[in-house]
Amino acid sequence: MALETWNGLGAQPSCESVPADRDTPVAGSAAGALLLRSLSRLITPVLLLAVGIFAAALLRLPIESITAHMPLNYNEGWNAYHALRLMSGGPLYPPVSPGAFLNYPPLSFYVTGVLGKMIGDYVIAGRVLALLSLFAVAANVGLIARALGVTSQLALLVSLIFLTFAVLFYGDYTAT
């Protein structure tokens, strides 16, 4: 089999014939594919465990902070106020004026309001909803990966990597 190799100058590839070692699987061969599959079966559970532990460690503080009676983000009270006003029979949107706007979808206030009535605290309800939404998005990332043809283990790994990335780089918005 002829493989492309770089000449000594590294400028142009040449198509020299490279002798293949018959004992070493060549990429694209059946033996190479088998080797990759067996390595994947060994490495994927280890990665799942490592990323899962890391994600759990990162999620510990946001989960413990859900019931804190102090603001974790500047907009929590604002969201809780609109959900409470909506559940109290008030209008969701104030009269049209240039200085007033809502940049959240209306459904979020309804869901936060219903959950807030059940829990008894609209801020905590918003935090719980934010955390559940993050988990739902992570699950959907895994479902998309699964629909694209990856194994269940790899789809779970992709979900955990997304979750870890979200909490690691956007932790201020996790469960707030």
C-alpha atoms as a PDB file:
ATOM      1  CA  MET A   1       0.000   0.000   0.000  1.00  0.00           C
ATOM      2  CA  ALA A   2       1.390   3.390  -0.961  1.00  0.00           C
ATOM      3  CA  LEU A   3       1.177   6.083   1.720  1.00  0.00           C
ATOM      4  CA  GLU A   4       1.902   9.757   1.281  1.00  0.00           C
ATOM      5  CA  THR A   5       4.993  10.879   3.139  1.00  0.00           C
ATOM      6  CA  TRP A   6       6.627  14.269   3.395  1.00  0.00           C
ATOM      7  CA  ASN A   7       9.967  14.769   1.724  1.00  0.00           C
ATOM      8  CA  GLY A   8      12.931  15.888   3.797  1.00  0.00           C
ATOM      9  CA  LEU A   9      12.195  19.571   3.189  1.00  0.00           C
ATOM     10  CA  GLY A  10       8.603  19.286   4.364  1.00  0.00           C
ATOM     11  CA  ALA A  11       7.398  21.363   1.454  1.00  0.00           C
ATOM     12  CA  GLN A  12       5.598  18.961  -0.855  1.00  0.00           C
ATOM     13  CA  PRO A  13       4.182  15.529  -0.201  1.00  0.00           C
ATOM     14  CA  SER A  14       5.640  12.716  -2.216  1.00  0.00           C
ATOM     15  CA  CYS A  15       3.922   9.466  -3.053  1.00  0.00           C
ATOM     16  CA  GLU A  16       6.704   7.128  -2.138  1.00  0.00           C
ATOM     17  CA  SER A  17       5.855   3.552  -1.426  1.00  0.00           C
ATOM     18  CA  VAL A  18       6.251   2.825   2.271  1.00  0.00           C
ATOM     19  CA  PRO A  19       6.630  -0.844   3.145  1.00  0.00           C
ATOM     20  CA  ALA A  20       3.790  -1.938   5.412  1.00  0.00           C
ATOM     21  CA  ASP A  21       4.544  -4.046   8.440  1.00  0.00           C
ATOM     22  CA  ARG A  22       2.112  -6.943   8.224  1.00  0.00           C
ATOM     23  CA  ASP A  23       1.837  -7.299  12.030  1.00  0.00           C
ATOM     24  CA  THR A  24       0.769  -3.669  12.588  1.00  0.00           C
ATOM     25  CA  PRO A  25      -2.832  -2.786  11.733  1.00  0.00           C
ATOM     26  CA  VAL A  26      -3.085  -0.031   9.164  1.00  0.00           C
ATOM     27  CA  ALA A  27      -5.693   2.683   9.614  1.00  0.00           C
ATOM     28  CA  GLY A  28      -8.707   1.769   7.536  1.00  0.00           C
ATOM     29  CA  SER A  29      -8.128  -1.961   7.786  1.00  0.00           C
ATOM     30  CA  ALA A  30     -10.449  -4.360   9.585  1.00  0.00           C
ATOM     31  CA  ALA A  31      -7.797  -5.047  12.233  1.00  0.00           C
ATOM     32  CA  GLY A  32      -7.337  -1.308  12.815  1.00  0.00           C
ATOM     33  CA  ALA A  33     -11.062  -0.797  13.218  1.00  0.00           C
ATOM     34  CA  LEU A  34     -11.214  -3.694  15.674  1.00  0.00           C
ATOM     35  CA  LEU A  35      -8.352  -2.208  17.671  1.00  0.00           C
ATOM     36  CA  LEU A  36     -10.056   1.194  17.801  1.00  0.00           C
ATOM     37  CA  ARG A  37     -13.344  -0.364  18.898  1.00  0.00           C
ATOM     38  CA  SER A  38     -11.705  -2.338  21.682  1.00  0.00           C
ATOM     39  CA  LEU A  39      -9.782   0.744  22.873  1.00  0.00           C
ATOM     40  CA  SER A  40     -13.010   2.716  22.792  1.00  0.00           C
ATOM     41  CA  ARG A  41     -14.714   0.101  24.937  1.00  0.00           C
ATOM     42  CA  LEU A  42     -11.945   0.430  27.508  1.00  0.00           C
ATOM     43  CA  ILE A  43     -11.494   4.194  27.463  1.00  0.00           C
ATOM     44  CA  THR A  44     -15.124   5.331  27.320  1.00  0.00           C
ATOM     45  CA  PRO A  45     -16.133   4.005  30.781  1.00  0.00           C
ATOM     46  CA  VAL A  46     -13.025   5.556  32.318  1.00  0.00           C
ATOM     47  CA  LEU A  47     -13.808   8.903  30.674  1.00  0.00           C
ATOM     48  CA  LEU A  48     -17.446   8.625  31.755  1.00  0.00           C
ATOM     49  CA  LEU A  49     -16.375   8.113  35.345  1.00  0.00           C
ATOM     50  CA  ALA A  50     -13.808  10.919  35.293  1.00  0.00           C
ATOM     51  CA  VAL A  51     -16.042  13.492  33.594  1.00  0.00           C
ATOM     52  CA  GLY A  52     -19.017  12.434  35.741  1.00  0.00           C
ATOM     53  CA  ILE A  53     -17.060  12.951  38.968  1.00  0.00           C
ATOM     54  CA  PHE A  54     -15.769  16.298  37.706  1.00  0.00           C
ATOM     55  CA  ALA A  55     -19.272  17.438  36.709  1.00  0.00           C
ATOM     56  CA  ALA A  56     -20.673  16.336  40.085  1.00  0.00           C
ATOM     57  CA  ALA A  57     -17.924  18.234  41.891  1.00  0.00           C
ATOM     58  CA  LEU A  58     -18.646  21.357  39.858  1.00  0.00           C
ATOM     59  CA  LEU A  59     -22.399  21.063  40.463  1.00  0.00           C
ATOM     60  CA  ARG A  60     -22.046  20.638  44.231  1.00  0.00           C
ATOM     61  CA  LEU A  61     -21.896  24.354  45.061  1.00  0.00           C
ATOM     62  CA  PRO A  62     -24.748  25.457  42.762  1.00  0.00           C
ATOM     63  CA  ILE A  63     -26.995  22.689  44.090  1.00  0.00           C
ATOM     64  CA  GLU A  64     -26.158  23.545  47.711  1.00  0.00           C
ATOM     65  CA  SER A  65     -26.806  27.235  46.979  1.00  0.00           C
ATOM     66  CA  ILE A  66     -30.341  26.713  45.658  1.00  0.00           C
ATOM     67  CA  THR A  67     -31.939  27.298  49.053  1.00  0.00           C
ATOM     68  CA  ALA A  68     -29.678  30.222  50.031  1.00  0.00           C
ATOM     69  CA  HIS A  69     -31.680  33.290  51.068  1.00  0.00           C
ATOM     70  CA  MET A  70     -29.357  35.717  49.370  1.00  0.00           C
ATOM     71  CA  PRO A  71     -29.149  36.797  45.738  1.00  0.00           C
ATOM     72  CA  LEU A  72     -26.850  34.678  43.616  1.00  0.00           C
ATOM     73  CA  ASN A  73     -27.454  36.662  40.444  1.00  0.00           C
ATOM     74  CA  TYR A  74     -28.664  40.192  39.831  1.00  0.00           C
ATOM     75  CA  ASN A  75     -31.803  39.121  37.954  1.00  0.00           C
ATOM     76  CA  GLU A  76     -33.240  36.542  40.364  1.00  0.00           C
ATOM     77  CA  GLY A  77     -35.450  38.984  42.225  1.00  0.00           C
ATOM     78  CA  TRP A  78     -36.575  40.569  38.979  1.00  0.00           C
ATOM     79  CA  ASN A  79     -37.681  37.193  37.601  1.00  0.00           C
ATOM     80  CA  ALA A  80     -39.330  36.214  40.888  1.00  0.00           C
ATOM     81  CA  TYR A  81     -41.195  39.539  40.985  1.00  0.00           C
ATOM     82  CA  HIS A  82     -42.646  39.027  37.498  1.00  0.00           C
ATOM     83  CA  ALA A  83     -43.628  35.421  38.250  1.00  0.00           C
ATOM     84  CA  LEU A  84     -45.299  36.468  41.528  1.00  0.00           C
ATOM     85  CA  ARG A  85     -47.108  39.351  39.828  1.00  0.00           C
ATOM     86  CA  LEU A  86     -48.353  36.990  37.129  1.00  0.00           C
ATOM     87  CA  MET A  87     -49.559  34.426  39.681  1.00  0.00           C
ATOM     88  CA  SER A  88     -51.293  37.186  41.663  1.00  0.00           C
ATOM     89  CA  GLY A  89     -53.425  38.068  38.638  1.00  0.00           C
ATOM     90  CA  GLY A  90     -51.361  41.030  37.491  1.00  0.00           C
ATOM     91  CA  PRO A  91     -50.283  41.607  33.922  1.00  0.00           C
ATOM     92  CA  LEU A  92     -47.109  39.918  32.741  1.00  0.00           C
ATOM     93  CA  TYR A  93     -46.055  42.869  30.635  1.00  0.00           C
ATOM     94  CA  PRO A  94     -46.296  46.459  31.846  1.00  0.00           C
ATOM     95  CA  PRO A  95     -47.896  49.117  29.645  1.00  0.00           C
ATOM     96  CA  VAL A  96     -45.773  49.869  26.599  1.00  0.00           C
ATOM     97  CA  SER A  97     -43.099  52.430  27.357  1.00  0.00           C
ATOM     98  CA  PRO A  98     -39.612  52.981  25.973  1.00  0.00           C
ATOM     99  CA  GLY A  99     -37.942  52.114  29.284  1.00  0.00           C
ATOM    100  CA  ALA A 100     -39.705  48.848  30.117  1.00  0.00           C
ATOM    101  CA  PHE A 101     -39.088  45.517  28.447  1.00  0.00           C
ATOM    102  CA  LEU A 102     -38.948  41.833  29.265  1.00  0.00           C
ATOM    103  CA  ASN A 103     -36.350  39.717  27.540  1.00  0.00           C
ATOM    104  CA  TYR A 104     -37.536  36.363  28.878  1.00  0.00           C
ATOM    105  CA  PRO A 105     -40.047  34.112  27.168  1.00  0.00           C
ATOM    106  CA  PRO A 106     -43.492  34.364  28.786  1.00  0.00           C
ATOM    107  CA  LEU A 107     -43.623  30.620  29.482  1.00  0.00           C
ATOM    108  CA  SER A 108     -40.691  30.910  31.909  1.00  0.00           C
ATOM    109  CA  PHE A 109     -42.702  33.210  34.174  1.00  0.00           C
ATOM    110  CA  TYR A 110     -45.699  30.872  34.142  1.00  0.00           C
ATOM    111  CA  VAL A 111     -43.589  27.823  34.967  1.00  0.00           C
ATOM    112  CA  THR A 112     -41.636  29.694  37.637  1.00  0.00           C
ATOM    113  CA  GLY A 113     -44.909  31.028  39.046  1.00  0.00           C
ATOM    114  CA  VAL A 114     -46.567  27.607  39.282  1.00  0.00           C
ATOM    115  CA  LEU A 115     -43.416  26.057  40.764  1.00  0.00           C
ATOM    116  CA  GLY A 116     -43.098  29.024  43.148  1.00  0.00           C
ATOM    117  CA  LYS A 117     -46.634  28.502  44.411  1.00  0.00           C
ATOM    118  CA  MET A 118     -45.851  24.819  45.021  1.00  0.00           C
ATOM    119  CA  ILE A 119     -42.531  25.502  46.777  1.00  0.00           C
ATOM    120  CA  GLY A 120     -43.527  28.728  48.485  1.00  0.00           C
ATOM    121  CA  ASP A 121     -40.500  30.717  47.287  1.00  0.00           C
ATOM    122  CA  TYR A 122     -40.308  32.188  43.799  1.00  0.00           C
ATOM    123  CA  VAL A 123     -36.535  32.732  43.853  1.00  0.00           C
ATOM    124  CA  ILE A 124     -35.860  29.098  44.800  1.00  0.00           C
ATOM    125  CA  ALA A 125     -38.375  28.029  42.164  1.00  0.00           C
ATOM    126  CA  GLY A 126     -36.416  29.959  39.538  1.00  0.00           C
ATOM    127  CA  ARG A 127     -33.163  28.331  40.633  1.00  0.00           C
ATOM    128  CA  VAL A 128     -34.674  24.848  40.516  1.00  0.00           C
ATOM    129  CA  LEU A 129     -36.126  25.563  37.081  1.00  0.00           C
ATOM    130  CA  ALA A 130     -32.750  26.852  35.836  1.00  0.00           C
ATOM    131  CA  LEU A 131     -30.977  23.715  37.058  1.00  0.00           C
ATOM    132  CA  LEU A 132     -33.603  21.404  35.582  1.00  0.00           C
ATOM    133  CA  SER A 133     -33.379  23.312  32.301  1.00  0.00           C
ATOM    134  CA  LEU A 134     -29.613  22.824  32.217  1.00  0.00           C
ATOM    135  CA  PHE A 135     -30.079  19.080  32.768  1.00  0.00           C
ATOM    136  CA  ALA A 136     -32.719  18.984  30.021  1.00  0.00           C
ATOM    137  CA  VAL A 137     -30.390  20.696  27.551  1.00  0.00           C
ATOM    138  CA  ALA A 138     -27.551  18.313  28.463  1.00  0.00           C
ATOM    139  CA  ALA A 139     -29.882  15.340  27.943  1.00  0.00           C
ATOM    140  CA  ASN A 140     -30.948  16.720  24.564  1.00  0.00           C
ATOM    141  CA  VAL A 141     -27.307  17.105  23.531  1.00  0.00           C
ATOM    142  CA  GLY A 142     -26.851  13.410  24.287  1.00  0.00           C
ATOM    143  CA  LEU A 143     -30.022  12.504  22.393  1.00  0.00           C
ATOM    144  CA  ILE A 144     -28.806  14.428  19.365  1.00  0.00           C
ATOM    145  CA  ALA A 145     -25.460  12.634  19.524  1.00  0.00           C
ATOM    146  CA  ARG A 146     -27.307   9.312  19.785  1.00  0.00           C
ATOM    147  CA  ALA A 147     -29.471  10.218  16.780  1.00  0.00           C
ATOM    148  CA  LEU A 148     -26.283  10.924  14.848  1.00  0.00           C
ATOM    149  CA  GLY A 149     -25.203   7.336  15.433  1.00  0.00           C
ATOM    150  CA  VAL A 150     -22.851   7.272  18.393  1.00  0.00           C
ATOM    151  CA  THR A 151     -23.127   4.621  21.083  1.00  0.00           C
ATOM    152  CA  SER A 152     -25.156   5.198  24.226  1.00  0.00           C
ATOM    153  CA  GLN A 153     -21.986   5.494  26.295  1.00  0.00           C
ATOM    154  CA  LEU A 154     -20.534   8.137  24.001  1.00  0.00           C
ATOM    155  CA  ALA A 155     -23.836  10.016  23.963  1.00  0.00           C
ATOM    156  CA  LEU A 156     -23.790  10.061  27.768  1.00  0.00           C
ATOM    157  CA  LEU A 157     -20.178  11.230  27.683  1.00  0.00           C
ATOM    158  CA  VAL A 158     -21.105  14.059  25.300  1.00  0.00           C
ATOM    159  CA  SER A 159     -23.918  15.094  27.670  1.00  0.00           C
ATOM    160  CA  LEU A 160     -21.556  15.124  30.638  1.00  0.00           C
ATOM    161  CA  ILE A 161     -18.931  17.090  28.718  1.00  0.00           C
ATOM    162  CA  PHE A 162     -21.555  19.689  27.786  1.00  0.00           C
ATOM    163  CA  LEU A 163     -22.740  19.877  31.399  1.00  0.00           C
ATOM    164  CA  THR A 164     -19.162  20.217  32.660  1.00  0.00           C
ATOM    165  CA  PHE A 165     -18.400  22.930  30.101  1.00  0.00           C
ATOM    166  CA  ALA A 166     -21.556  24.867  30.996  1.00  0.00           C
ATOM    167  CA  VAL A 167     -20.896  24.768  34.738  1.00  0.00           C
ATOM    168  CA  LEU A 168     -17.151  25.361  34.436  1.00  0.00           C
ATOM    169  CA  PHE A 169     -17.331  28.379  32.139  1.00  0.00           C
ATOM    170  CA  TYR A 170     -20.812  29.728  32.970  1.00  0.00           C
ATOM    171  CA  GLY A 171     -21.076  28.793  36.634  1.00  0.00           C
ATOM    172  CA  ASP A 172     -22.555  32.174  37.542  1.00  0.00           C
ATOM    173  CA  TYR A 173     -25.653  31.199  35.562  1.00  0.00           C
ATOM    174  CA  THR A 174     -25.973  27.657  36.933  1.00  0.00           C
ATOM    175  CA  ALA A 175     -29.095  27.330  39.093  1.00  0.00           C
ATOM    176  CA  THR A 176     -29.604  31.098  39.279  1.00  0.00           C
END
